[in-house]
Amino acid sequence: MKMLKAAIFDMDGVLVDSYRAWFVTFNKGREHFGFTPISEKEFRKQCWAVSSSVLVPAYFPGFSIPEVTAKNMELFLESMEEIAVMPGVKALLSLLPLKKAVATNTIRAQAERMLAAKGLLGHFDMVVGADDVKRDKPAPDMLLKIVNGFGIRRDEAMFVGDMGLDMDAGKAAGVYTIGMGIDGGDVRIEKIEDVKDIITNKAGGSKQHASQADNTLP
């Protein structure tokens, strides 16, 4: 593979652990708009890492996406203390000699507030959220937007994610895809610190996904 020039990270589950905060926020939002809370099992299966464009019509019927997301952002800020930075993240970001970006299905304003609150936002050259593209993950749009924004080729970028939709997005975008605790990418790692070794070793001889020339959004 070519020399890497950019490292792209999913946010939740890779950079921060915000699952509990989102679960609490979601149910507080449901109660605010007159709906009953849902179970943690349903939230994990049906709602986690799903964009507002899908969640609001399904779980907040009769209310607009801007109205619900604005209220949930307000409620989310009240749960910020429940968010933890994943082990090893700050050290890795400080060491990586690459352009760095975040690709998250969270809307960008919420993502930037979370990253800023945890002292991470300054490490990134770009944050792309669900409201910045027509299609969020598992579509490749976020990753292609970042690649184009950095002015690099697809095979000069790597993407770290922890869910199947991340692996699908990475493969569709043609970037070197790293699964954190999950298979389905070019390589699997168990901890974020392993990213540095992958960069140092240029990912060994792992296969690279096709299409390096056309970075345009489909």
Protein backbone atom coordinates (compact mmCIF):
# COMPACT_ATOMS: atom_id res chain seq x y z
CA MET A 1 0.00 0.00 0.00
CA LYS A 2 1.05 3.62 -0.46
CA MET A 3 2.42 5.74 2.35
CA LEU A 4 -0.43 6.77 4.59
CA LYS A 5 -1.21 10.47 4.75
CA ALA A 6 -4.43 10.51 6.77
CA ALA A 7 -6.00 8.63 9.67
CA ILE A 8 -9.79 8.68 9.93
CA PHE A 9 -11.57 7.52 13.07
CA ASP A 10 -15.11 6.60 13.96
CA MET A 11 -16.00 8.37 17.20
CA ASP A 12 -18.20 6.25 19.46
CA GLY A 13 -16.47 3.06 20.55
CA VAL A 14 -13.14 4.09 19.05
CA LEU A 15 -12.28 7.52 20.45
CA VAL A 16 -14.83 7.75 23.25
CA ASP A 17 -17.25 5.50 25.08
CA SER A 18 -20.49 7.46 24.98
CA TYR A 19 -22.97 4.60 24.80
CA ARG A 20 -24.44 5.13 28.26
CA ALA A 21 -24.74 8.87 27.74
CA TRP A 22 -26.63 8.39 24.47
CA PHE A 23 -28.94 5.77 25.96
CA VAL A 24 -29.86 8.05 28.86
CA THR A 25 -30.28 11.03 26.51
CA PHE A 26 -32.46 9.08 24.10
CA ASN A 27 -34.92 8.02 26.79
CA LYS A 28 -34.99 11.47 28.38
CA GLY A 29 -35.84 12.79 24.94
CA ARG A 30 -38.57 10.21 24.51
CA GLU A 31 -40.10 11.23 27.83
CA HIS A 32 -39.87 14.92 26.97
CA PHE A 33 -41.86 14.40 23.78
CA GLY A 34 -44.46 12.22 25.50
CA PHE A 35 -43.22 8.73 24.69
CA THR A 36 -42.29 5.89 27.03
CA PRO A 37 -38.63 4.89 27.46
CA ILE A 38 -37.32 1.90 25.52
CA SER A 39 -35.19 -0.94 26.81
CA GLU A 40 -31.42 -0.99 26.59
CA LYS A 41 -31.71 -4.07 24.38
CA GLU A 42 -33.92 -2.28 21.88
CA PHE A 43 -31.71 0.81 21.94
CA ARG A 44 -28.58 -1.20 21.21
CA LYS A 45 -30.21 -3.21 18.44
CA GLN A 46 -32.33 -0.57 16.73
CA CYS A 47 -30.93 2.85 17.62
CA TRP A 48 -27.21 2.77 18.34
CA ALA A 49 -25.14 4.43 15.59
CA VAL A 50 -28.26 5.13 13.54
CA SER A 51 -28.73 8.62 12.12
CA SER A 52 -31.41 11.09 13.20
CA SER A 53 -33.02 10.92 9.77
CA VAL A 54 -33.97 7.32 10.57
CA LEU A 55 -34.49 7.54 14.34
CA VAL A 56 -36.72 10.59 14.58
CA PRO A 57 -39.54 9.34 12.30
CA ALA A 58 -39.43 5.92 13.96
CA TYR A 59 -39.15 6.92 17.63
CA PHE A 60 -40.41 10.52 17.74
CA PRO A 61 -43.33 10.43 15.27
CA GLY A 62 -45.04 13.75 14.72
CA PHE A 63 -41.95 15.81 15.59
CA SER A 64 -39.39 17.30 13.23
CA ILE A 65 -35.76 16.22 13.04
CA PRO A 66 -34.43 19.72 13.97
CA GLU A 67 -36.79 19.91 16.95
CA VAL A 68 -35.81 16.51 18.31
CA THR A 69 -32.08 16.84 17.68
CA ALA A 70 -31.99 20.28 19.32
CA LYS A 71 -33.67 18.95 22.45
CA ASN A 72 -31.53 15.84 22.53
CA MET A 73 -28.38 17.94 22.22
CA GLU A 74 -29.51 19.94 25.25
CA LEU A 75 -30.17 16.73 27.18
CA PHE A 76 -26.94 15.15 25.98
CA LEU A 77 -24.89 17.97 27.47
CA GLU A 78 -26.34 17.04 30.86
CA SER A 79 -24.93 13.51 30.46
CA MET A 80 -21.45 14.55 29.31
CA GLU A 81 -19.83 13.34 32.53
CA GLU A 82 -20.77 9.77 31.61
CA ILE A 83 -18.54 9.87 28.52
CA ALA A 84 -15.04 8.45 28.82
CA VAL A 85 -12.09 8.77 26.45
CA MET A 86 -11.03 5.31 25.30
CA PRO A 87 -7.68 4.11 26.72
CA GLY A 88 -4.66 5.10 24.66
CA VAL A 89 -6.49 7.55 22.40
CA LYS A 90 -4.86 10.80 23.53
CA ALA A 91 -1.37 9.34 23.37
CA LEU A 92 -1.96 7.96 19.87
CA LEU A 93 -3.40 11.19 18.51
CA SER A 94 -0.45 13.14 19.89
CA LEU A 95 2.01 10.82 18.13
CA LEU A 96 0.44 10.30 14.71
CA PRO A 97 2.29 12.34 12.06
CA LEU A 98 -0.74 12.32 9.76
CA LYS A 99 -3.76 14.43 8.97
CA LYS A 100 -6.56 13.26 11.25
CA ALA A 101 -10.32 13.26 10.86
CA VAL A 102 -13.48 11.93 12.49
CA ALA A 103 -16.31 10.28 10.54
CA THR A 104 -19.37 9.80 12.74
CA ASN A 105 -23.08 9.18 12.27
CA THR A 106 -23.63 11.76 15.02
CA ILE A 107 -24.49 15.23 13.73
CA ARG A 108 -21.35 17.36 13.57
CA ALA A 109 -22.28 19.95 16.21
CA GLN A 110 -22.88 17.24 18.80
CA ALA A 111 -19.71 15.41 17.84
CA GLU A 112 -17.58 18.54 18.07
CA ARG A 113 -19.03 19.44 21.47
CA MET A 114 -18.29 15.97 22.77
CA LEU A 115 -14.75 15.93 21.41
CA ALA A 116 -14.07 19.42 22.75
CA ALA A 117 -15.39 18.52 26.21
CA LYS A 118 -13.01 15.57 26.35
CA GLY A 119 -9.98 17.50 25.08
CA LEU A 120 -9.84 15.74 21.71
CA LEU A 121 -11.17 18.21 19.16
CA GLY A 122 -7.86 20.05 18.73
CA HIS A 123 -6.22 16.87 17.46
CA PHE A 124 -8.39 16.75 14.35
CA ASP A 125 -8.15 18.60 11.06
CA MET A 126 -11.71 17.69 10.07
CA VAL A 127 -14.90 16.34 11.64
CA VAL A 128 -17.63 15.01 9.33
CA GLY A 129 -21.04 14.18 10.76
CA ALA A 130 -24.26 12.70 9.46
CA ASP A 131 -25.59 16.14 8.53
CA ASP A 132 -22.60 16.85 6.28
CA VAL A 133 -23.40 14.20 3.67
CA LYS A 134 -26.42 12.82 1.83
CA ARG A 135 -25.80 9.29 3.09
CA ASP A 136 -24.20 8.34 6.39
CA LYS A 137 -22.34 5.12 7.13
CA PRO A 138 -22.43 2.37 5.85
CA ALA A 139 -22.32 4.48 2.67
CA PRO A 140 -18.80 5.75 1.85
CA ASP A 141 -19.79 9.43 1.54
CA MET A 142 -18.18 10.63 4.79
CA LEU A 143 -14.87 8.98 4.04
CA LEU A 144 -14.80 10.23 0.46
CA LYS A 145 -15.59 13.74 1.66
CA ILE A 146 -12.60 13.59 4.01
CA VAL A 147 -10.28 12.12 1.37
CA ASN A 148 -11.30 14.82 -1.10
CA GLY A 149 -11.00 17.52 1.55
CA PHE A 150 -7.45 16.46 2.33
CA GLY A 151 -6.58 16.25 -1.36
CA ILE A 152 -5.25 12.71 -1.13
CA ARG A 153 -5.91 9.37 -2.80
CA ARG A 154 -8.11 6.71 -1.27
CA ASP A 155 -5.19 4.38 -0.72
CA GLU A 156 -3.39 7.07 1.26
CA ALA A 157 -6.04 7.01 4.00
CA MET A 158 -6.88 4.54 6.75
CA PHE A 159 -10.13 4.30 8.68
CA VAL A 160 -10.62 2.80 12.15
CA GLY A 161 -14.10 1.67 13.17
CA ASP A 162 -15.73 -0.75 15.57
CA MET A 163 -18.97 -1.74 13.84
CA GLY A 164 -20.02 -3.58 10.73
CA LEU A 165 -21.30 -0.37 9.16
CA ASP A 166 -17.81 1.11 9.59
CA MET A 167 -16.24 -1.84 7.80
CA ASP A 168 -18.77 -1.54 5.00
CA ALA A 169 -18.13 2.19 4.64
CA GLY A 170 -14.38 1.73 4.59
CA LYS A 171 -14.48 -1.00 1.98
CA ALA A 172 -16.92 0.93 -0.19
CA ALA A 173 -14.68 4.00 -0.01
CA GLY A 174 -11.58 2.03 -0.93
CA VAL A 175 -9.55 3.15 2.10
CA TYR A 176 -7.44 0.85 4.27
CA THR A 177 -9.99 -0.36 6.81
CA ILE A 178 -9.11 -1.34 10.37
CA GLY A 179 -11.62 -3.12 12.58
CA MET A 180 -11.26 -2.44 16.29
CA GLY A 181 -12.49 -5.60 17.95
CA ILE A 182 -14.31 -6.60 14.79
CA ASP A 183 -13.56 -8.51 11.60
CA GLY A 184 -14.56 -7.41 8.12
CA GLY A 185 -11.84 -4.91 7.30
CA ASP A 186 -8.31 -5.28 6.01
CA VAL A 187 -6.98 -5.98 9.49
CA ARG A 188 -8.34 -6.39 13.01
CA ILE A 189 -6.90 -4.80 16.13
CA GLU A 190 -7.92 -5.14 19.76
CA LYS A 191 -6.70 -1.79 21.09
CA ILE A 192 -6.21 1.64 19.58
CA GLU A 193 -2.48 1.64 20.27
CA ASP A 194 -2.07 -1.01 17.57
CA VAL A 195 -2.78 1.63 14.94
CA LYS A 196 0.73 3.04 15.38
CA ASP A 197 2.27 -0.34 14.57
CA ILE A 198 0.15 -0.65 11.44
CA ILE A 199 1.34 2.74 10.23
CA THR A 200 4.95 1.95 11.07
CA ASN A 201 4.79 -1.36 9.23
CA LYS A 202 2.72 0.12 6.38
CA ALA A 203 0.15 -2.57 7.13
CA GLY A 204 2.47 -5.34 6.00
CA GLY A 205 1.25 -7.05 2.90
CA SER A 206 -2.45 -6.77 3.62
CA LYS A 207 -4.68 -6.43 0.64
CA GLN A 208 -5.89 -3.02 -0.37
CA HIS A 209 -9.35 -2.25 -1.63
CA ALA A 210 -9.77 -1.36 -5.25
CA SER A 211 -10.37 1.94 -7.01
CA GLN A 212 -7.69 4.44 -6.16
CA ALA A 213 -8.26 6.89 -8.96
CA ASP A 214 -11.85 8.06 -8.63
CA ASN A 215 -12.59 9.84 -5.36
CA THR A 216 -15.92 11.32 -6.43
CA LEU A 217 -19.04 10.68 -4.40
CA PRO A 218 -21.36 8.13 -6.00
